[in-house]
Amino acid sequence: MLLLKSLIEGLSAVLFHNTHIGNLEDILKTNKFELTSQLGTQSDMKSSKFYYLSCSRIKFGGYARSMNEDGLVNIVLDGKKLGYKYKGGPVDYWGVEFWGNPEIDKQGRMRNNENEERIFSDDSSIPNASKYILSIHISLGGGLEKLETGSEKWYEALFNRTDYSRLRKIKQLCDAKGILIFFYTNFTAFKTLSTKKAVDIVSRRPNSIEALLYIYNHCKTVDNIPTEFPYNKFINSLSNPEWVDNKDEAVRDVQNDIHNMRTSPDGREWISKLTRSMQKEKVRTVAEFMKKLALRLNEE
């Protein structure tokens, strides 16, 4: 009866699929949704099809509540378009035995109410995923909500995240496919998909290499160095050539960016630009390059 009901009702016009950043990156790179096999427990078997994609008809259901807010993703899907090609509809994962259990309180029931809908298929994946995606929403978490959005500490915390390069890559993939993407530090805004409270993580906030090269190419004195982050972290170091060595914090920041960015296309490009500038100055280390830059900026 449950199966018959789900196939008759069909998919909701808008569906929500919760996952994490790593899975999202795979979806965007391959442009397909990998489906789950129904050859498991009895609760998995809701259709005669071999595979399914689990979604929710509400923005933030029980399944999402069980996931870590840091890096949580909500993919908004065009259920109407999916319904033209795939069968599916509401399912009750927990079943009547769960809902009829008097030992489970009302609040517990609501926490576990996934409002789940499944998309069924005999194939193991749904190709051309981007044509079914209306928008993508990502919770950044990680304590960023406690910092002033756009402040130096906010950007420093964001840049220091191990998945920042992945976030930028995901943004680039979405832009290339014409998919709307939103990032949130406010978890309540993420849960309700309040896009007006989304934050910009990839505007022109340069990495340390880019900032250093800007100073090298455009600044004639230390006073010309921009005071916003991350340019400002070079001001103290470049104010006195004697302060520049391998222990200098700004030197280490550039070295760390070189290490972290060397495998990405954007990173290799910036490292190449820095290398050419160092060759021009006939130096072989970042510290030597910055010391020579400091001498030039402090000439009387």
Protein backbone atom coordinates (compact mmCIF):
# COMPACT_ATOMS: atom_id res chain seq x y z
CA MET A 1 0.00 0.00 0.00
CA LEU A 2 2.83 2.38 0.88
CA LEU A 3 4.64 1.73 -2.39
CA LEU A 4 1.46 2.23 -4.42
CA LYS A 5 0.77 5.49 -2.63
CA SER A 6 4.27 6.88 -3.24
CA LEU A 7 4.15 6.13 -6.97
CA ILE A 8 0.68 7.63 -7.38
CA GLU A 9 1.46 10.81 -5.49
CA GLY A 10 4.68 11.42 -7.40
CA LEU A 11 7.49 13.80 -6.47
CA SER A 12 6.99 17.21 -4.91
CA ALA A 13 7.68 20.20 -7.16
CA VAL A 14 10.73 21.15 -5.05
CA LEU A 15 12.95 18.66 -3.21
CA PHE A 16 15.92 19.03 -0.84
CA HIS A 17 18.91 16.70 -0.79
CA ASN A 18 21.30 16.96 2.17
CA THR A 19 24.91 15.86 1.87
CA HIS A 20 28.45 17.07 2.69
CA ILE A 21 31.02 19.11 0.79
CA GLY A 22 33.05 16.14 -0.46
CA ASN A 23 29.98 14.49 -1.99
CA LEU A 24 28.87 17.80 -3.49
CA GLU A 25 32.23 18.26 -5.21
CA ASP A 26 31.92 14.77 -6.73
CA ILE A 27 28.39 15.53 -7.94
CA LEU A 28 29.55 18.73 -9.66
CA LYS A 29 32.69 17.18 -11.17
CA THR A 30 30.93 14.10 -12.57
CA ASN A 31 27.62 15.91 -13.18
CA LYS A 32 25.66 13.00 -11.78
CA PHE A 33 23.98 11.82 -8.59
CA GLU A 34 25.17 8.44 -7.33
CA LEU A 35 22.20 6.49 -6.02
CA THR A 36 21.81 4.14 -3.05
CA SER A 37 21.14 0.44 -3.52
CA GLN A 38 17.85 -0.95 -2.21
CA LEU A 39 19.46 -4.35 -1.61
CA GLY A 40 19.79 -3.73 2.11
CA THR A 41 17.44 -3.80 5.05
CA GLN A 42 13.67 -3.99 4.75
CA SER A 43 13.44 -0.23 5.41
CA ASP A 44 15.45 0.40 2.23
CA MET A 45 13.05 -1.53 0.01
CA LYS A 46 10.34 0.95 -0.92
CA SER A 47 10.17 0.23 -4.65
CA SER A 48 10.71 -2.49 -7.23
CA LYS A 49 13.58 -0.40 -8.64
CA PHE A 50 17.16 -1.26 -7.67
CA TYR A 51 18.34 2.24 -6.64
CA TYR A 52 17.09 5.44 -5.06
CA LEU A 53 18.07 9.00 -4.15
CA SER A 54 16.81 10.11 -0.74
CA CYS A 55 15.40 13.65 -0.55
CA SER A 56 13.15 15.67 1.72
CA ARG A 57 10.12 17.77 0.91
CA ILE A 58 10.99 20.20 3.71
CA LYS A 59 14.10 22.37 3.92
CA PHE A 60 15.49 20.89 7.13
CA GLY A 61 14.24 17.46 8.16
CA GLY A 62 15.22 14.79 10.64
CA TYR A 63 18.09 13.43 8.53
CA ALA A 64 19.71 16.89 8.25
CA ARG A 65 19.44 17.35 12.02
CA SER A 66 21.63 14.31 12.52
CA MET A 67 24.46 15.80 10.45
CA ASN A 68 27.31 18.10 11.51
CA GLU A 69 26.54 21.73 10.62
CA ASP A 70 30.14 22.35 9.53
CA GLY A 71 30.17 21.65 5.79
CA LEU A 72 26.54 20.58 5.61
CA VAL A 73 25.06 21.00 2.12
CA ASN A 74 21.46 21.40 0.97
CA ILE A 75 20.89 20.87 -2.75
CA VAL A 76 17.53 22.23 -3.93
CA LEU A 77 16.15 20.07 -6.75
CA ASP A 78 13.51 20.55 -9.41
CA GLY A 79 11.18 17.72 -8.45
CA LYS A 80 8.82 18.48 -11.30
CA LYS A 81 11.58 18.07 -13.89
CA LEU A 82 12.84 14.91 -12.20
CA GLY A 83 9.32 13.55 -12.22
CA TYR A 84 9.19 13.67 -16.01
CA LYS A 85 11.83 10.92 -16.16
CA TYR A 86 11.86 9.20 -12.77
CA LYS A 87 9.28 7.58 -10.51
CA GLY A 88 9.17 8.47 -6.86
CA GLY A 89 7.26 10.01 -3.99
CA PRO A 90 6.86 10.12 -0.21
CA VAL A 91 8.04 7.18 1.87
CA ASP A 92 7.86 6.44 5.58
CA TYR A 93 11.34 5.26 6.53
CA TRP A 94 10.43 4.63 10.18
CA GLY A 95 7.11 2.90 9.61
CA VAL A 96 3.99 2.50 11.74
CA GLU A 97 5.86 0.61 14.46
CA PHE A 98 7.95 3.69 15.20
CA TRP A 99 5.08 6.20 15.06
CA GLY A 100 2.84 4.00 17.15
CA ASN A 101 5.39 3.49 19.92
CA PRO A 102 4.07 5.36 23.03
CA GLU A 103 7.58 5.37 24.56
CA ILE A 104 8.79 7.86 21.93
CA ASP A 105 7.82 11.40 22.86
CA LYS A 106 6.34 13.91 20.42
CA GLN A 107 9.55 15.92 20.19
CA GLY A 108 11.49 12.77 19.39
CA ARG A 109 9.02 11.92 16.65
CA MET A 110 9.43 15.34 15.03
CA ARG A 111 13.24 15.17 15.20
CA ASN A 112 13.08 11.89 13.32
CA ASN A 113 10.43 12.98 10.85
CA GLU A 114 12.40 13.17 7.62
CA ASN A 115 9.42 13.99 5.40
CA GLU A 116 11.33 11.77 3.03
CA GLU A 117 10.76 11.38 -0.68
CA ARG A 118 12.73 9.00 -2.85
CA ILE A 119 13.59 9.08 -6.52
CA PHE A 120 13.73 5.53 -7.89
CA SER A 121 15.75 4.12 -10.78
CA ASP A 122 17.14 0.86 -12.12
CA ASP A 123 20.37 2.71 -12.94
CA SER A 124 23.01 3.43 -10.31
CA SER A 125 23.17 7.16 -11.06
CA ILE A 126 21.19 10.12 -12.37
CA PRO A 127 23.16 11.81 -15.19
CA ASN A 128 23.03 15.50 -16.15
CA ALA A 129 22.62 16.41 -12.49
CA SER A 130 23.07 20.15 -13.06
CA LYS A 131 19.84 20.43 -15.06
CA TYR A 132 17.86 19.31 -12.00
CA ILE A 133 19.64 21.60 -9.48
CA LEU A 134 17.85 24.85 -8.65
CA SER A 135 20.39 26.06 -6.08
CA ILE A 136 23.03 24.87 -3.61
CA HIS A 137 23.42 26.02 0.01
CA ILE A 138 26.45 25.36 2.24
CA SER A 139 26.80 25.82 6.01
CA LEU A 140 30.35 26.95 6.83
CA GLY A 141 30.07 26.43 10.59
CA GLY A 142 33.41 26.19 12.37
CA GLY A 143 32.83 29.13 14.70
CA LEU A 144 32.62 31.71 11.90
CA GLU A 145 29.17 32.79 13.09
CA LYS A 146 30.76 34.23 16.25
CA LEU A 147 33.00 36.58 14.23
CA GLU A 148 32.00 39.77 12.45
CA THR A 149 31.30 38.86 8.84
CA GLY A 150 33.92 40.35 6.51
CA SER A 151 36.29 41.33 9.32
CA GLU A 152 39.99 40.49 9.24
CA LYS A 153 39.55 37.73 11.82
CA TRP A 154 36.56 36.35 9.87
CA TYR A 155 38.58 36.08 6.66
CA GLU A 156 41.63 34.73 8.48
CA ALA A 157 39.46 32.01 10.05
CA LEU A 158 37.95 31.26 6.65
CA PHE A 159 41.31 31.11 4.85
CA ASN A 160 42.75 28.85 7.56
CA ARG A 161 40.05 26.24 7.01
CA THR A 162 41.40 23.10 5.40
CA ASP A 163 38.50 23.00 2.92
CA TYR A 164 38.69 26.63 1.73
CA SER A 165 40.32 25.68 -1.58
CA ARG A 166 37.54 23.11 -2.05
CA LEU A 167 34.90 25.77 -1.39
CA ARG A 168 36.43 28.00 -4.07
CA LYS A 169 36.55 25.10 -6.51
CA ILE A 170 32.90 24.27 -5.82
CA LYS A 171 31.98 27.93 -6.43
CA GLN A 172 33.86 27.87 -9.74
CA LEU A 173 32.12 24.65 -10.81
CA CYS A 174 28.72 26.13 -9.98
CA ASP A 175 29.48 29.34 -11.86
CA ALA A 176 30.57 27.32 -14.90
CA LYS A 177 27.30 25.34 -14.83
CA GLY A 178 25.09 28.36 -14.08
CA ILE A 179 24.04 27.01 -10.67
CA LEU A 180 23.17 29.44 -7.87
CA ILE A 181 25.24 28.79 -4.74
CA PHE A 182 25.01 30.36 -1.28
CA PHE A 183 27.28 30.15 1.79
CA TYR A 184 26.15 30.68 5.39
CA THR A 185 27.85 31.30 8.71
CA ASN A 186 24.47 31.66 10.44
CA PHE A 187 23.11 28.14 10.86
CA THR A 188 19.54 29.31 11.35
CA ALA A 189 19.74 31.16 8.03
CA PHE A 190 21.09 27.98 6.42
CA LYS A 191 18.26 25.86 7.81
CA THR A 192 15.64 28.25 6.42
CA LEU A 193 17.64 29.00 3.24
CA SER A 194 17.49 32.74 3.95
CA THR A 195 19.67 33.82 1.05
CA LYS A 196 19.71 37.46 2.15
CA LYS A 197 21.89 36.34 5.07
CA ALA A 198 24.31 34.39 2.86
CA VAL A 199 27.95 35.55 2.84
CA ASP A 200 30.46 36.08 0.04
CA ILE A 201 33.54 33.92 0.51
CA VAL A 202 35.26 34.41 -2.84
CA SER A 203 35.11 38.07 -3.73
CA ARG A 204 38.46 39.66 -4.43
CA ARG A 205 40.08 38.71 -1.16
CA PRO A 206 43.55 37.76 -2.38
CA ASN A 207 45.80 35.06 -1.04
CA SER A 208 49.14 36.02 0.52
CA ILE A 209 51.06 35.49 -2.73
CA GLU A 210 48.68 37.73 -4.67
CA ALA A 211 48.81 40.41 -1.96
CA LEU A 212 52.61 40.37 -1.87
CA LEU A 213 52.84 40.69 -5.67
CA TYR A 214 50.37 43.58 -5.61
CA ILE A 215 52.65 45.41 -3.17
CA TYR A 216 55.68 44.54 -5.30
CA ASN A 217 54.10 45.83 -8.52
CA HIS A 218 52.06 48.80 -7.29
CA CYS A 219 53.43 50.25 -4.03
CA LYS A 220 56.27 52.75 -3.95
CA THR A 221 56.45 53.13 -0.17
CA VAL A 222 55.15 51.29 2.90
CA ASP A 223 52.50 54.02 3.25
CA ASN A 224 51.05 52.93 -0.12
CA ILE A 225 50.27 49.40 1.13
CA PRO A 226 46.49 48.90 1.52
CA THR A 227 45.36 48.61 5.11
CA GLU A 228 42.74 45.90 4.56
CA PHE A 229 43.36 42.20 5.02
CA PRO A 230 45.49 40.46 3.82
CA TYR A 231 47.69 43.32 2.53
CA ASN A 232 48.02 44.83 6.00
CA LYS A 233 49.85 41.83 7.43
CA PHE A 234 52.86 42.80 5.30
CA ILE A 235 53.05 46.38 6.57
CA ASN A 236 54.99 45.66 9.77
CA SER A 237 57.41 43.26 8.08
CA LEU A 238 58.17 45.55 5.17
CA SER A 239 58.62 48.61 7.39
CA ASN A 240 62.16 47.53 8.28
CA PRO A 241 64.37 45.29 6.10
CA GLU A 242 66.15 44.06 9.24
CA TRP A 243 62.93 42.45 10.46
CA VAL A 244 62.56 40.20 7.41
CA ASP A 245 63.82 36.63 7.80
CA ASN A 246 62.46 33.09 7.61
CA LYS A 247 60.90 33.46 11.08
CA ASP A 248 58.82 36.45 10.01
CA GLU A 249 55.07 35.76 10.22
CA ALA A 250 54.31 37.29 6.80
CA VAL A 251 57.10 35.23 5.21
CA ARG A 252 55.67 32.07 6.76
CA ASP A 253 52.17 32.98 5.50
CA VAL A 254 53.45 33.19 1.92
CA GLN A 255 55.39 29.95 2.33
CA ASN A 256 52.28 28.21 3.71
CA ASP A 257 50.16 29.45 0.79
CA ILE A 258 52.77 28.15 -1.65
CA HIS A 259 52.62 24.76 0.06
CA ASN A 260 48.81 24.63 0.21
CA MET A 261 48.14 26.01 -3.28
CA ARG A 262 50.80 24.29 -5.36
CA THR A 263 48.52 21.52 -6.66
CA SER A 264 45.62 23.75 -7.77
CA PRO A 265 45.55 25.51 -11.18
CA ASP A 266 45.05 28.96 -9.59
CA GLY A 267 47.78 28.24 -7.07
CA ARG A 268 50.30 27.17 -9.69
CA GLU A 269 49.59 30.36 -11.63
CA TRP A 270 50.28 32.61 -8.63
CA ILE A 271 53.38 30.63 -7.66
CA SER A 272 54.63 30.99 -11.23
CA LYS A 273 54.12 34.77 -11.10
CA LEU A 274 56.00 34.96 -7.80
CA THR A 275 58.82 32.82 -9.19
CA ARG A 276 59.24 35.10 -12.21
CA SER A 277 59.40 38.16 -9.93
CA MET A 278 61.99 36.43 -7.73
CA GLN A 279 64.05 35.55 -10.79
CA LYS A 280 63.87 39.18 -11.88
CA GLU A 281 65.22 40.25 -8.48
CA LYS A 282 67.84 37.45 -8.58
CA VAL A 283 66.78 35.91 -5.26
CA ARG A 284 65.89 32.31 -4.41
CA THR A 285 63.79 32.50 -1.21
CA VAL A 286 60.65 34.33 -0.14
CA ALA A 287 62.54 35.97 2.72
CA GLU A 288 65.19 37.32 0.35
CA PHE A 289 62.49 38.62 -1.99
CA MET A 290 60.65 40.40 0.83
CA LYS A 291 63.86 41.83 2.26
CA LYS A 292 64.75 43.31 -1.14
CA LEU A 293 61.20 44.67 -1.45
CA ALA A 294 61.47 46.21 2.04
CA LEU A 295 64.74 47.95 1.04
CA ARG A 296 63.05 49.47 -1.99
CA LEU A 297 59.93 50.58 -0.07
CA ASN A 298 62.05 52.28 2.61
CA GLU A 299 64.45 54.16 0.37
CA GLU A 300 64.81 57.79 1.38
